[in-house]
């Protein structure tokens, strides 16, 4: 599950979540947008804080999509672009 979706579903603000994982809102926003590499420390913190709902693979996928220009695309848009 994407982190931004998890935050929305749980009603958790980015500010609150950033504090929980000991980072800044700016860093969290860049991570969600796939604009910043993510450290293993943050990956572990996010997976732990979301109780595994957001996985390390989910986080890596967001970054990979952003690198391919697909960040923010719906799954069908991403699939269409990949085809």
C-alpha atoms as a PDB file:
ATOM      1  CA  UNK A   1       0.000   0.000   0.000  1.00  0.00           C
ATOM      2  CA  UNK A   2       1.256   3.483  -0.753  1.00  0.00           C
ATOM      3  CA  UNK A   3       2.071   5.560   2.298  1.00  0.00           C
ATOM      4  CA  UNK A   4      -0.098   8.499   1.232  1.00  0.00           C
ATOM      5  CA  UNK A   5      -3.089   6.174   0.935  1.00  0.00           C
ATOM      6  CA  UNK A   6      -2.382   4.655   4.366  1.00  0.00           C
ATOM      7  CA  UNK A   7      -2.175   8.128   5.926  1.00  0.00           C
ATOM      8  CA  UNK A   8      -5.527   9.092   4.367  1.00  0.00           C
ATOM      9  CA  UNK A   9      -7.216   5.846   5.412  1.00  0.00           C
ATOM     10  CA  UNK A  10      -5.981   6.188   8.999  1.00  0.00           C
ATOM     11  CA  UNK A  11      -6.624   9.937   9.177  1.00  0.00           C
ATOM     12  CA  UNK A  12      -3.018  10.596  10.173  1.00  0.00           C
ATOM     13  CA  UNK A  13      -1.484  13.932   9.202  1.00  0.00           C
ATOM     14  CA  UNK A  14       1.912  14.091   7.578  1.00  0.00           C
ATOM     15  CA  UNK A  15       3.136  16.219  10.478  1.00  0.00           C
ATOM     16  CA  UNK A  16       2.051  13.641  13.053  1.00  0.00           C
ATOM     17  CA  UNK A  17       3.487  10.731  11.066  1.00  0.00           C
ATOM     18  CA  UNK A  18       6.768  12.543  10.424  1.00  0.00           C
ATOM     19  CA  UNK A  19       7.131  13.080  14.160  1.00  0.00           C
ATOM     20  CA  UNK A  20       6.378   9.402  14.835  1.00  0.00           C
ATOM     21  CA  UNK A  21       9.186   8.282  12.509  1.00  0.00           C
ATOM     22  CA  UNK A  22      11.597  11.034  13.587  1.00  0.00           C
ATOM     23  CA  UNK A  23      11.822  12.967  10.336  1.00  0.00           C
ATOM     24  CA  UNK A  24      10.555  16.259   8.958  1.00  0.00           C
ATOM     25  CA  UNK A  25       7.328  16.890   7.068  1.00  0.00           C
ATOM     26  CA  UNK A  26       9.406  18.085   4.123  1.00  0.00           C
ATOM     27  CA  UNK A  27      11.376  14.834   4.000  1.00  0.00           C
ATOM     28  CA  UNK A  28       8.208  12.775   4.348  1.00  0.00           C
ATOM     29  CA  UNK A  29       6.541  14.714   1.528  1.00  0.00           C
ATOM     30  CA  UNK A  30       9.547  14.184  -0.752  1.00  0.00           C
ATOM     31  CA  UNK A  31       9.528  10.461   0.085  1.00  0.00           C
ATOM     32  CA  UNK A  32       5.804  10.176  -0.684  1.00  0.00           C
ATOM     33  CA  UNK A  33       6.362  11.967  -4.000  1.00  0.00           C
ATOM     34  CA  UNK A  34       9.309   9.710  -4.824  1.00  0.00           C
ATOM     35  CA  UNK A  35      11.637  12.708  -5.015  1.00  0.00           C
ATOM     36  CA  UNK A  36      14.097  11.474  -2.414  1.00  0.00           C
ATOM     37  CA  UNK A  37      15.904   8.221  -1.840  1.00  0.00           C
ATOM     38  CA  UNK A  38      14.802   6.521   1.336  1.00  0.00           C
ATOM     39  CA  UNK A  39      17.191   5.223   3.955  1.00  0.00           C
ATOM     40  CA  UNK A  40      16.863   1.799   5.546  1.00  0.00           C
ATOM     41  CA  UNK A  41      16.285   3.557   8.877  1.00  0.00           C
ATOM     42  CA  UNK A  42      13.216   5.363   7.488  1.00  0.00           C
ATOM     43  CA  UNK A  43      12.007   2.267   5.670  1.00  0.00           C
ATOM     44  CA  UNK A  44      12.135   0.319   8.927  1.00  0.00           C
ATOM     45  CA  UNK A  45      10.392   3.124  10.833  1.00  0.00           C
ATOM     46  CA  UNK A  46       7.584   3.408   8.267  1.00  0.00           C
ATOM     47  CA  UNK A  47       7.017  -0.348   8.078  1.00  0.00           C
ATOM     48  CA  UNK A  48       6.983  -0.548  11.888  1.00  0.00           C
ATOM     49  CA  UNK A  49       4.697   2.476  12.339  1.00  0.00           C
ATOM     50  CA  UNK A  50       2.211   1.224   9.717  1.00  0.00           C
ATOM     51  CA  UNK A  51       2.367  -2.277  11.234  1.00  0.00           C
ATOM     52  CA  UNK A  52       3.471  -3.660   7.882  1.00  0.00           C
ATOM     53  CA  UNK A  53       0.620  -2.173   5.857  1.00  0.00           C
ATOM     54  CA  UNK A  54       3.228  -0.189   3.924  1.00  0.00           C
ATOM     55  CA  UNK A  55       6.111  -2.464   2.965  1.00  0.00           C
ATOM     56  CA  UNK A  56       9.691  -1.761   1.956  1.00  0.00           C
ATOM     57  CA  UNK A  57       8.761  -2.849  -1.573  1.00  0.00           C
ATOM     58  CA  UNK A  58       5.875  -0.344  -1.601  1.00  0.00           C
ATOM     59  CA  UNK A  59       8.277   2.446  -0.690  1.00  0.00           C
ATOM     60  CA  UNK A  60      10.847   1.416  -3.287  1.00  0.00           C
ATOM     61  CA  UNK A  61       8.134   1.190  -5.947  1.00  0.00           C
ATOM     62  CA  UNK A  62       7.092   4.820  -5.388  1.00  0.00           C
ATOM     63  CA  UNK A  63      10.669   5.947  -5.948  1.00  0.00           C
ATOM     64  CA  UNK A  64      11.015   3.737  -9.031  1.00  0.00           C
ATOM     65  CA  UNK A  65       7.763   5.093 -10.485  1.00  0.00           C
ATOM     66  CA  UNK A  66       8.898   8.652  -9.881  1.00  0.00           C
ATOM     67  CA  UNK A  67      12.145   7.940 -11.685  1.00  0.00           C
ATOM     68  CA  UNK A  68      10.125   6.638 -14.649  1.00  0.00           C
ATOM     69  CA  UNK A  69       7.775   9.644 -14.507  1.00  0.00           C
ATOM     70  CA  UNK A  70       4.775   7.699 -13.197  1.00  0.00           C
ATOM     71  CA  UNK A  71       4.491   9.043  -9.630  1.00  0.00           C
ATOM     72  CA  UNK A  72       0.967  10.087  -8.801  1.00  0.00           C
ATOM     73  CA  UNK A  73      -0.486   8.091 -11.656  1.00  0.00           C
ATOM     74  CA  UNK A  74      -3.369   5.785 -10.980  1.00  0.00           C
ATOM     75  CA  UNK A  75      -2.536   2.087 -11.327  1.00  0.00           C
ATOM     76  CA  UNK A  76      -4.243   1.959 -14.735  1.00  0.00           C
ATOM     77  CA  UNK A  77      -2.387   5.081 -15.927  1.00  0.00           C
ATOM     78  CA  UNK A  78       0.907   3.614 -14.743  1.00  0.00           C
ATOM     79  CA  UNK A  79       0.123   0.334 -16.499  1.00  0.00           C
ATOM     80  CA  UNK A  80      -0.846   2.160 -19.718  1.00  0.00           C
ATOM     81  CA  UNK A  81       2.408   4.149 -19.624  1.00  0.00           C
ATOM     82  CA  UNK A  82       4.447   1.006 -19.050  1.00  0.00           C
ATOM     83  CA  UNK A  83       2.871  -0.767 -22.034  1.00  0.00           C
END
